Structures are given as C-alpha cells and as structure tokens.
Amino acid sequence: MKVTVCELPNDPAPLIEAWEGLVGHTHARESDVVLLPEMPFHPWPAWTKDVDPTEWDVAVAAHDAWIGRLDELGAPIVIGSRPVVEDGRRLNEAFVWSDGEYRGGHRKWYLPNEDGFWEATWYDRGDTDFSTTPTRHGPVGLLICTEVWFTRHARTQGQEGAWLIANPRATEYASREKWLAGGITAAVMAGAFCLSSNRSGLDGTGIHWGGYGWVVDPDGKVLATTSEDEPFATVDIDLLDAERAKVTYPRYVED
C-alpha cells in the first residue's frame, strides 16, 4: 500500500499551486492513502486571540468546497481535519474521505491556548471518544496535532487493531524535531504506522510553519520526511508489519 504525506502552505494563493503539485505527485505514485494537514484549506484562524465567528464560517465554507475536490488526488482514502459548526459550537473535526464518501471522526479535545495557537479561545473541545475509524483496509486512529502527545490514545487505538495513526498538524518550524519524536512514540505505542502532514512556510500570521511531514513504521523507524524542497513523500508500506507488531514489545504488555 502506498501512503502519502505532505506539507502545504497556509496562504490561499500558494496553496492552489501546491495542490496541483500534490495531485501530480499522488497520481504519479498511485497513492492509496493521502494525509492532509490540520484544517488545511483556509488560513490558520487561531493565530490571534481576536475571535471572528464570520472568519470561522468562511473557513467552514472553504473546506466544504475543497473537500468536493478530494477526488482529484486519485487516492481511495484521504484523511485530514476541518472546521465545523454543530449546534452553535465551533469544532475541529478529523475526517476520513473514503471512495467518495465523507466520514466525520473524532473532534479535537486537547486544545492549546498560547501565542499563535489560541485554539481553546477560537473553538470548543470536541469529544473524548478516540475510537478508531473504519476504512477498506482496516481501522485507523485519528489524533489531531496536540493529541499525539497523549499516548494512551495511540495505545488504545493499536489495541483496537489500527494499522495507521494519522496525525494532521499545524505546528512551528522550531519544534519540528520534537513533533517527530511524538510521532515515533505514537507508532511504537500503537504498533502501527504513524503518518503526519503539516502546514509550511512563512506568512502574514508571523508564524514560521514547520512542514516536516513523516511516515514512521510500527517500530519507530522513520521511513520518509517532507521538506521545503520535497514537500510530498510517498512510501510503500506492508500492513502485515502493523499486524505483527501488535504481539511484540511493548504492545503485548498488559496495562
């Protein structure tokens, strides 16, 4: 199975060009799974403390439009997160788009609240249901950005049979190695492949986005990373590696 991770710019105009590049990449590599960054289809709203509900609604509409274009990637499965509004609550929802069908998953629960990342100010906590989401290849675990650090959820998702832990991110350049360490830990805890994609570049928010998407195998080996020069990476993985890992250390150790 071929899995693809990426880094995409925050600003709309460069995003359009980057999308065209990603579409060309996924078709050339015949990707089966593509992971997108956290809420990738609109400029990051939570860079400021000043909440604008209208801006959130614009972001929701932008994601509605772009999700209608996911079939352009040519991949049967596309994973990411997106802003939604439900019963008046603003939420960050992980999703799995599979064979043309959108499936909303876990809503982000662990919300930072600091310079550039005023998430708890901008939107509501979602839910504590970290159950896996089914796909044609088996269950996947969804951990949105910060949630990768709460490793008990990766472990539980692995126990539910997840072959993949998907970690869409919006994180800074200065902390990129730290985030990779989190992805490696999640992979080992779950006995699953861990994929992450991120925003990239400098923009009007003043944030230097980290890029640095990754593919990590179930024993923590880094199989690929993205960079400014190579913003897309595709790896051919064997799902049996995740199945075998479930019965090896430390996964078999009882809680």
C-alpha atoms as a PDB file:
ATOM      1  CA  MET A   1       0.000   0.000   0.000  1.00  0.00           C
ATOM      2  CA  LYS A   2       1.288   3.462  -0.890  1.00  0.00           C
ATOM      3  CA  VAL A   3       0.795   6.237   1.663  1.00  0.00           C
ATOM      4  CA  THR A   4       1.472   9.927   1.038  1.00  0.00           C
ATOM      5  CA  VAL A   5       2.224  12.764   3.453  1.00  0.00           C
ATOM      6  CA  CYS A   6       2.678  16.413   2.582  1.00  0.00           C
ATOM      7  CA  GLU A   7       3.329  19.958   3.699  1.00  0.00           C
ATOM      8  CA  LEU A   8       1.047  22.679   2.355  1.00  0.00           C
ATOM      9  CA  PRO A   9       1.265  26.496   2.636  1.00  0.00           C
ATOM     10  CA  ASN A  10      -1.051  28.488   4.870  1.00  0.00           C
ATOM     11  CA  ASP A  11      -1.939  31.208   2.351  1.00  0.00           C
ATOM     12  CA  PRO A  12      -4.637  30.521  -0.293  1.00  0.00           C
ATOM     13  CA  ALA A  13      -2.721  31.506  -3.457  1.00  0.00           C
ATOM     14  CA  PRO A  14       0.341  29.308  -2.828  1.00  0.00           C
ATOM     15  CA  LEU A  15      -1.997  26.558  -1.665  1.00  0.00           C
ATOM     16  CA  ILE A  16      -3.583  26.353  -5.123  1.00  0.00           C
ATOM     17  CA  GLU A  17      -0.189  25.832  -6.768  1.00  0.00           C
ATOM     18  CA  ALA A  18       0.873  23.339  -4.098  1.00  0.00           C
ATOM     19  CA  TRP A  19      -2.365  21.402  -4.556  1.00  0.00           C
ATOM     20  CA  GLU A  20      -1.648  20.999  -8.240  1.00  0.00           C
ATOM     21  CA  GLY A  21       1.768  19.636  -7.340  1.00  0.00           C
ATOM     22  CA  LEU A  22       0.271  17.239  -4.809  1.00  0.00           C
ATOM     23  CA  VAL A  23      -2.276  15.989  -7.356  1.00  0.00           C
ATOM     24  CA  GLY A  24       0.521  15.315  -9.834  1.00  0.00           C
ATOM     25  CA  HIS A  25       2.528  13.511  -7.160  1.00  0.00           C
ATOM     26  CA  THR A  26      -0.292  11.248  -5.953  1.00  0.00           C
ATOM     27  CA  HIS A  27      -1.229  10.248  -9.485  1.00  0.00           C
ATOM     28  CA  ALA A  28       2.371   9.524 -10.438  1.00  0.00           C
ATOM     29  CA  ARG A  29       2.904   7.410  -7.289  1.00  0.00           C
ATOM     30  CA  GLU A  30      -0.570   5.830  -7.427  1.00  0.00           C
ATOM     31  CA  SER A  31      -1.187   6.707  -3.779  1.00  0.00           C
ATOM     32  CA  ASP A  32      -3.712   4.656  -1.820  1.00  0.00           C
ATOM     33  CA  VAL A  33      -3.847   6.954   1.216  1.00  0.00           C
ATOM     34  CA  VAL A  34      -3.157  10.693   1.433  1.00  0.00           C
ATOM     35  CA  LEU A  35      -2.902  12.571   4.723  1.00  0.00           C
ATOM     36  CA  LEU A  36      -3.509  16.336   4.691  1.00  0.00           C
ATOM     37  CA  PRO A  37      -2.508  18.868   7.403  1.00  0.00           C
ATOM     38  CA  GLU A  38      -4.792  20.172  10.156  1.00  0.00           C
ATOM     39  CA  MET A  39      -7.599  22.354   8.715  1.00  0.00           C
ATOM     40  CA  PRO A  40      -5.521  22.941   5.551  1.00  0.00           C
ATOM     41  CA  PHE A  41      -7.926  24.760   3.229  1.00  0.00           C
ATOM     42  CA  HIS A  42      -8.086  28.170   4.896  1.00  0.00           C
ATOM     43  CA  PRO A  43      -5.514  30.411   6.629  1.00  0.00           C
ATOM     44  CA  TRP A  44      -4.994  29.385  10.251  1.00  0.00           C
ATOM     45  CA  PRO A  45      -7.597  31.353  12.238  1.00  0.00           C
ATOM     46  CA  ALA A  46      -6.275  30.810  15.767  1.00  0.00           C
ATOM     47  CA  TRP A  47      -3.073  32.833  15.306  1.00  0.00           C
ATOM     48  CA  THR A  48      -4.846  35.754  17.022  1.00  0.00           C
ATOM     49  CA  LYS A  49      -6.827  35.985  20.266  1.00  0.00           C
ATOM     50  CA  ASP A  50      -9.476  38.042  18.495  1.00  0.00           C
ATOM     51  CA  VAL A  51     -12.204  35.562  17.623  1.00  0.00           C
ATOM     52  CA  ASP A  52     -14.226  36.328  14.497  1.00  0.00           C
ATOM     53  CA  PRO A  53     -17.160  33.906  14.077  1.00  0.00           C
ATOM     54  CA  THR A  54     -17.575  35.105  10.491  1.00  0.00           C
ATOM     55  CA  GLU A  55     -13.997  34.054   9.729  1.00  0.00           C
ATOM     56  CA  TRP A  56     -14.757  30.600  11.107  1.00  0.00           C
ATOM     57  CA  ASP A  57     -17.807  30.368   8.845  1.00  0.00           C
ATOM     58  CA  VAL A  58     -15.645  31.349   5.860  1.00  0.00           C
ATOM     59  CA  ALA A  59     -13.192  28.603   6.817  1.00  0.00           C
ATOM     60  CA  VAL A  60     -16.033  26.073   7.012  1.00  0.00           C
ATOM     61  CA  ALA A  61     -17.224  27.075   3.540  1.00  0.00           C
ATOM     62  CA  ALA A  62     -13.695  26.861   2.119  1.00  0.00           C
ATOM     63  CA  HIS A  63     -13.311  23.328   3.469  1.00  0.00           C
ATOM     64  CA  ASP A  64     -16.716  22.362   2.078  1.00  0.00           C
ATOM     65  CA  ALA A  65     -15.532  23.454  -1.368  1.00  0.00           C
ATOM     66  CA  TRP A  66     -12.126  21.781  -1.178  1.00  0.00           C
ATOM     67  CA  ILE A  67     -13.496  18.511   0.161  1.00  0.00           C
ATOM     68  CA  GLY A  68     -15.542  18.396  -3.018  1.00  0.00           C
ATOM     69  CA  ARG A  69     -12.193  18.261  -4.850  1.00  0.00           C
ATOM     70  CA  LEU A  70     -10.549  15.434  -2.907  1.00  0.00           C
ATOM     71  CA  ASP A  71     -11.233  13.018  -5.741  1.00  0.00           C
ATOM     72  CA  GLU A  72      -8.670  14.999  -7.771  1.00  0.00           C
ATOM     73  CA  LEU A  73      -5.974  13.259  -5.738  1.00  0.00           C
ATOM     74  CA  GLY A  74      -6.917   9.910  -7.257  1.00  0.00           C
ATOM     75  CA  ALA A  75      -6.469   8.156  -3.900  1.00  0.00           C
ATOM     76  CA  PRO A  76      -9.211   5.942  -2.440  1.00  0.00           C
ATOM     77  CA  ILE A  77      -8.600   7.327   1.075  1.00  0.00           C
ATOM     78  CA  VAL A  78      -7.862  10.912   2.134  1.00  0.00           C
ATOM     79  CA  ILE A  79      -7.526  11.885   5.805  1.00  0.00           C
ATOM     80  CA  GLY A  80      -7.348  15.284   7.481  1.00  0.00           C
ATOM     81  CA  SER A  81      -9.210  17.646   9.778  1.00  0.00           C
ATOM     82  CA  ARG A  82     -11.581  20.526   9.143  1.00  0.00           C
ATOM     83  CA  PRO A  83     -13.578  23.234  10.940  1.00  0.00           C
ATOM     84  CA  VAL A  84     -17.272  22.554  11.508  1.00  0.00           C
ATOM     85  CA  VAL A  85     -20.180  24.152  13.355  1.00  0.00           C
ATOM     86  CA  GLU A  86     -22.600  21.904  15.220  1.00  0.00           C
ATOM     87  CA  ASP A  87     -25.426  23.180  17.431  1.00  0.00           C
ATOM     88  CA  GLY A  88     -23.709  26.555  17.570  1.00  0.00           C
ATOM     89  CA  ARG A  89     -20.377  25.064  18.647  1.00  0.00           C
ATOM     90  CA  ARG A  90     -17.200  25.553  16.612  1.00  0.00           C
ATOM     91  CA  LEU A  91     -15.230  22.292  16.381  1.00  0.00           C
ATOM     92  CA  ASN A  92     -12.136  20.836  14.711  1.00  0.00           C
ATOM     93  CA  GLU A  93     -13.218  17.530  13.177  1.00  0.00           C
ATOM     94  CA  ALA A  94     -10.962  14.758  11.914  1.00  0.00           C
ATOM     95  CA  PHE A  95     -12.292  13.040   8.812  1.00  0.00           C
ATOM     96  CA  VAL A  96     -11.733  10.081   6.567  1.00  0.00           C
ATOM     97  CA  TRP A  97     -12.810  10.537   2.945  1.00  0.00           C
ATOM     98  CA  SER A  98     -13.113   7.056   1.504  1.00  0.00           C
ATOM     99  CA  ASP A  99     -14.199   6.174  -2.037  1.00  0.00           C
ATOM    100  CA  GLY A 100     -16.050   9.459  -2.388  1.00  0.00           C
ATOM    101  CA  GLU A 101     -17.806   9.288   0.979  1.00  0.00           C
ATOM    102  CA  TYR A 102     -17.029  11.735   3.792  1.00  0.00           C
ATOM    103  CA  ARG A 103     -16.908  10.242   7.281  1.00  0.00           C
ATOM    104  CA  GLY A 104     -16.531  12.659  10.176  1.00  0.00           C
ATOM    105  CA  GLY A 105     -14.492  11.256  13.034  1.00  0.00           C
ATOM    106  CA  HIS A 106     -13.140  12.424  16.362  1.00  0.00           C
ATOM    107  CA  ARG A 107     -13.421  16.131  17.256  1.00  0.00           C
ATOM    108  CA  LYS A 108     -10.265  17.641  18.760  1.00  0.00           C
ATOM    109  CA  TRP A 109     -10.297  17.530  22.553  1.00  0.00           C
ATOM    110  CA  TYR A 110      -6.839  18.738  23.612  1.00  0.00           C
ATOM    111  CA  LEU A 111      -6.683  22.450  22.729  1.00  0.00           C
ATOM    112  CA  PRO A 112      -3.607  24.684  23.159  1.00  0.00           C
ATOM    113  CA  ASN A 113      -4.091  28.330  24.117  1.00  0.00           C
ATOM    114  CA  GLU A 114      -0.954  30.430  23.564  1.00  0.00           C
ATOM    115  CA  ASP A 115       0.602  32.855  21.102  1.00  0.00           C
ATOM    116  CA  GLY A 116      -0.233  31.760  17.566  1.00  0.00           C
ATOM    117  CA  PHE A 117      -2.364  28.881  18.757  1.00  0.00           C
ATOM    118  CA  TRP A 118      -5.385  30.322  20.572  1.00  0.00           C
ATOM    119  CA  GLU A 119      -7.405  27.215  19.849  1.00  0.00           C
ATOM    120  CA  ALA A 120      -9.323  26.956  23.136  1.00  0.00           C
ATOM    121  CA  THR A 121     -10.345  30.587  22.549  1.00  0.00           C
ATOM    122  CA  TRP A 122     -11.454  30.047  18.965  1.00  0.00           C
ATOM    123  CA  TYR A 123     -13.300  26.774  19.169  1.00  0.00           C
ATOM    124  CA  ASP A 124     -14.799  24.250  21.559  1.00  0.00           C
ATOM    125  CA  ARG A 125     -13.458  20.996  22.895  1.00  0.00           C
ATOM    126  CA  GLY A 126     -14.865  18.128  20.913  1.00  0.00           C
ATOM    127  CA  ASP A 127     -15.116  14.686  22.436  1.00  0.00           C
ATOM    128  CA  THR A 128     -13.120  12.103  24.328  1.00  0.00           C
ATOM    129  CA  ASP A 129     -14.091   9.274  22.004  1.00  0.00           C
ATOM    130  CA  PHE A 130     -10.813   8.275  20.382  1.00  0.00           C
ATOM    131  CA  SER A 131     -12.253   5.102  18.857  1.00  0.00           C
ATOM    132  CA  THR A 132     -10.758   4.045  15.545  1.00  0.00           C
ATOM    133  CA  THR A 133     -12.460   4.855  12.249  1.00  0.00           C
ATOM    134  CA  PRO A 134     -13.074   2.012   9.773  1.00  0.00           C
ATOM    135  CA  THR A 135     -11.583   2.014   6.258  1.00  0.00           C
ATOM    136  CA  ARG A 136     -11.428  -0.547   3.456  1.00  0.00           C
ATOM    137  CA  HIS A 137      -8.031  -1.655   4.825  1.00  0.00           C
ATOM    138  CA  GLY A 138      -8.993  -1.789   8.491  1.00  0.00           C
ATOM    139  CA  PRO A 139      -9.298   0.718  11.352  1.00  0.00           C
ATOM    140  CA  VAL A 140      -7.271   3.919  11.592  1.00  0.00           C
ATOM    141  CA  GLY A 141      -6.597   6.080  14.644  1.00  0.00           C
ATOM    142  CA  LEU A 142      -7.115   9.834  14.363  1.00  0.00           C
ATOM    143  CA  LEU A 143      -5.062  12.143  16.607  1.00  0.00           C
ATOM    144  CA  ILE A 144      -5.265  15.829  15.683  1.00  0.00           C
ATOM    145  CA  CYS A 145      -1.970  17.655  16.256  1.00  0.00           C
ATOM    146  CA  THR A 146      -1.509  18.073  20.073  1.00  0.00           C
ATOM    147  CA  GLU A 147      -3.363  14.818  20.695  1.00  0.00           C
ATOM    148  CA  VAL A 148      -0.350  12.788  19.582  1.00  0.00           C
ATOM    149  CA  TRP A 149       1.283  13.633  22.930  1.00  0.00           C
ATOM    150  CA  PHE A 150      -1.439  11.850  24.900  1.00  0.00           C
ATOM    151  CA  THR A 151      -0.001   8.478  24.025  1.00  0.00           C
ATOM    152  CA  ARG A 152      -2.547   6.335  25.863  1.00  0.00           C
ATOM    153  CA  HIS A 153      -4.914   7.031  22.972  1.00  0.00           C
ATOM    154  CA  ALA A 154      -2.412   5.711  20.419  1.00  0.00           C
ATOM    155  CA  ARG A 155      -2.013   2.589  22.567  1.00  0.00           C
ATOM    156  CA  THR A 156      -5.790   2.078  22.779  1.00  0.00           C
ATOM    157  CA  GLN A 157      -6.174   2.603  19.028  1.00  0.00           C
ATOM    158  CA  GLY A 158      -3.483  -0.006  18.437  1.00  0.00           C
ATOM    159  CA  GLN A 159      -5.353  -2.414  20.710  1.00  0.00           C
ATOM    160  CA  GLU A 160      -8.432  -1.792  18.556  1.00  0.00           C
ATOM    161  CA  GLY A 161      -6.428  -3.011  15.563  1.00  0.00           C
ATOM    162  CA  ALA A 162      -5.342   0.281  13.989  1.00  0.00           C
ATOM    163  CA  TRP A 163      -2.748  -0.193  11.261  1.00  0.00           C
ATOM    164  CA  LEU A 164      -2.379   3.588  10.936  1.00  0.00           C
ATOM    165  CA  ILE A 165      -2.233   6.530  13.355  1.00  0.00           C
ATOM    166  CA  ALA A 166      -2.974   9.709  11.376  1.00  0.00           C
ATOM    167  CA  ASN A 167      -1.725  12.983  12.863  1.00  0.00           C
ATOM    168  CA  PRO A 168      -2.680  16.092  10.851  1.00  0.00           C
ATOM    169  CA  ARG A 169      -0.747  19.085  12.281  1.00  0.00           C
ATOM    170  CA  ALA A 170      -0.371  22.861  12.332  1.00  0.00           C
ATOM    171  CA  THR A 171       2.979  23.308  14.119  1.00  0.00           C
ATOM    172  CA  GLU A 172       6.006  25.589  14.051  1.00  0.00           C
ATOM    173  CA  TYR A 173       9.422  25.106  12.468  1.00  0.00           C
ATOM    174  CA  ALA A 174      11.305  25.499  15.744  1.00  0.00           C
ATOM    175  CA  SER A 175       9.625  22.455  17.297  1.00  0.00           C
ATOM    176  CA  ARG A 176       9.664  20.104  14.331  1.00  0.00           C
ATOM    177  CA  GLU A 177      12.132  17.554  15.746  1.00  0.00           C
ATOM    178  CA  LYS A 178      10.119  17.405  18.963  1.00  0.00           C
ATOM    179  CA  TRP A 179       6.991  16.611  16.973  1.00  0.00           C
ATOM    180  CA  LEU A 180       8.733  13.824  15.098  1.00  0.00           C
ATOM    181  CA  ALA A 181       9.659  12.320  18.479  1.00  0.00           C
ATOM    182  CA  GLY A 182       5.959  12.357  19.343  1.00  0.00           C
ATOM    183  CA  GLY A 183       5.107  10.565  16.115  1.00  0.00           C
ATOM    184  CA  ILE A 184       7.743   7.916  16.716  1.00  0.00           C
ATOM    185  CA  THR A 185       6.375   7.312  20.220  1.00  0.00           C
ATOM    186  CA  ALA A 186       2.796   7.032  18.951  1.00  0.00           C
ATOM    187  CA  ALA A 187       3.851   4.477  16.333  1.00  0.00           C
ATOM    188  CA  VAL A 188       5.653   2.354  18.913  1.00  0.00           C
ATOM    189  CA  MET A 189       2.809   2.618  21.440  1.00  0.00           C
ATOM    190  CA  ALA A 190       0.236   1.542  18.848  1.00  0.00           C
ATOM    191  CA  GLY A 191       2.265  -0.948  16.855  1.00  0.00           C
ATOM    192  CA  ALA A 192       1.056   0.950  13.787  1.00  0.00           C
ATOM    193  CA  PHE A 193       2.390   3.204  11.075  1.00  0.00           C
ATOM    194  CA  CYS A 194       2.221   6.882  12.067  1.00  0.00           C
ATOM    195  CA  LEU A 195       1.681   9.499   9.359  1.00  0.00           C
ATOM    196  CA  SER A 196       1.727  13.261   9.800  1.00  0.00           C
ATOM    197  CA  SER A 197       1.294  16.221   7.455  1.00  0.00           C
ATOM    198  CA  ASN A 198       1.731  19.896   8.339  1.00  0.00           C
ATOM    199  CA  ARG A 199       1.442  23.498   7.173  1.00  0.00           C
ATOM    200  CA  SER A 200       4.664  25.063   5.865  1.00  0.00           C
ATOM    201  CA  GLY A 201       6.378  28.346   5.143  1.00  0.00           C
ATOM    202  CA  LEU A 202       6.164  31.957   6.380  1.00  0.00           C
ATOM    203  CA  ASP A 203       3.031  34.055   6.032  1.00  0.00           C
ATOM    204  CA  GLY A 204       1.089  37.020   7.385  1.00  0.00           C
ATOM    205  CA  THR A 205       0.455  35.359  10.739  1.00  0.00           C
ATOM    206  CA  GLY A 206       4.132  35.734  11.651  1.00  0.00           C
ATOM    207  CA  ILE A 207       4.299  32.000  12.293  1.00  0.00           C
ATOM    208  CA  HIS A 208       7.079  30.003  10.654  1.00  0.00           C
ATOM    209  CA  TRP A 209       5.212  26.782   9.914  1.00  0.00           C
ATOM    210  CA  GLY A 210       7.253  23.652  10.344  1.00  0.00           C
ATOM    211  CA  GLY A 211       6.379  21.431   7.424  1.00  0.00           C
ATOM    212  CA  TYR A 212       8.184  18.147   8.072  1.00  0.00           C
ATOM    213  CA  GLY A 213       5.546  15.544   7.373  1.00  0.00           C
ATOM    214  CA  TRP A 214       6.583  11.999   8.156  1.00  0.00           C
ATOM    215  CA  VAL A 215       5.955   8.302   7.750  1.00  0.00           C
ATOM    216  CA  VAL A 216       7.102   6.171  10.711  1.00  0.00           C
ATOM    217  CA  ASP A 217       6.884   2.382  10.884  1.00  0.00           C
ATOM    218  CA  PRO A 218       5.422   0.408  13.831  1.00  0.00           C
ATOM    219  CA  ASP A 219       8.828   0.056  15.494  1.00  0.00           C
ATOM    220  CA  GLY A 220       9.639   3.751  15.260  1.00  0.00           C
ATOM    221  CA  LYS A 221      11.835   3.776  12.139  1.00  0.00           C
ATOM    222  CA  VAL A 222      11.427   6.971  10.113  1.00  0.00           C
ATOM    223  CA  LEU A 223      10.693   5.887   6.551  1.00  0.00           C
ATOM    224  CA  ALA A 224      10.309   9.350   4.994  1.00  0.00           C
ATOM    225  CA  THR A 225      10.014  13.044   5.807  1.00  0.00           C
ATOM    226  CA  THR A 226       8.979  16.033   3.732  1.00  0.00           C
ATOM    227  CA  SER A 227      10.940  19.260   3.301  1.00  0.00           C
ATOM    228  CA  GLU A 228      10.687  22.632   1.571  1.00  0.00           C
ATOM    229  CA  ASP A 229      12.413  21.120  -1.471  1.00  0.00           C
ATOM    230  CA  GLU A 230      10.429  17.861  -1.327  1.00  0.00           C
ATOM    231  CA  PRO A 231       7.010  18.780   0.081  1.00  0.00           C
ATOM    232  CA  PHE A 232       5.418  15.410  -0.737  1.00  0.00           C
ATOM    233  CA  ALA A 233       6.575  11.934   0.244  1.00  0.00           C
ATOM    234  CA  THR A 234       5.127   8.547  -0.635  1.00  0.00           C
ATOM    235  CA  VAL A 235       6.130   5.236   0.926  1.00  0.00           C
ATOM    236  CA  ASP A 236       5.081   1.696   0.017  1.00  0.00           C
ATOM    237  CA  ILE A 237       4.178   0.009   3.317  1.00  0.00           C
ATOM    238  CA  ASP A 238       3.202  -3.548   4.267  1.00  0.00           C
ATOM    239  CA  LEU A 239       0.122  -3.708   6.517  1.00  0.00           C
ATOM    240  CA  LEU A 240       1.339  -7.038   7.873  1.00  0.00           C
ATOM    241  CA  ASP A 241       4.121  -5.119   9.647  1.00  0.00           C
ATOM    242  CA  ALA A 242       1.473  -3.470  11.827  1.00  0.00           C
ATOM    243  CA  GLU A 243      -0.289  -6.770  12.430  1.00  0.00           C
ATOM    244  CA  ARG A 244       2.939  -8.451  13.525  1.00  0.00           C
ATOM    245  CA  ALA A 245       3.899  -5.530  15.752  1.00  0.00           C
ATOM    246  CA  LYS A 246       0.778  -5.901  17.869  1.00  0.00           C
ATOM    247  CA  VAL A 247       2.155  -9.014  19.590  1.00  0.00           C
ATOM    248  CA  THR A 248       5.695  -7.707  20.200  1.00  0.00           C
ATOM    249  CA  TYR A 249       7.177  -5.492  22.920  1.00  0.00           C
ATOM    250  CA  PRO A 250       5.912  -3.136  24.269  1.00  0.00           C
ATOM    251  CA  ARG A 251       2.463  -3.668  22.770  1.00  0.00           C
ATOM    252  CA  TYR A 252       1.757  -7.021  24.405  1.00  0.00           C
ATOM    253  CA  VAL A 253       2.464  -5.730  27.941  1.00  0.00           C
ATOM    254  CA  GLU A 254      -0.767  -5.521  29.930  1.00  0.00           C
ATOM    255  CA  ASP A 255      -1.935  -2.192  31.341  1.00  0.00           C
END
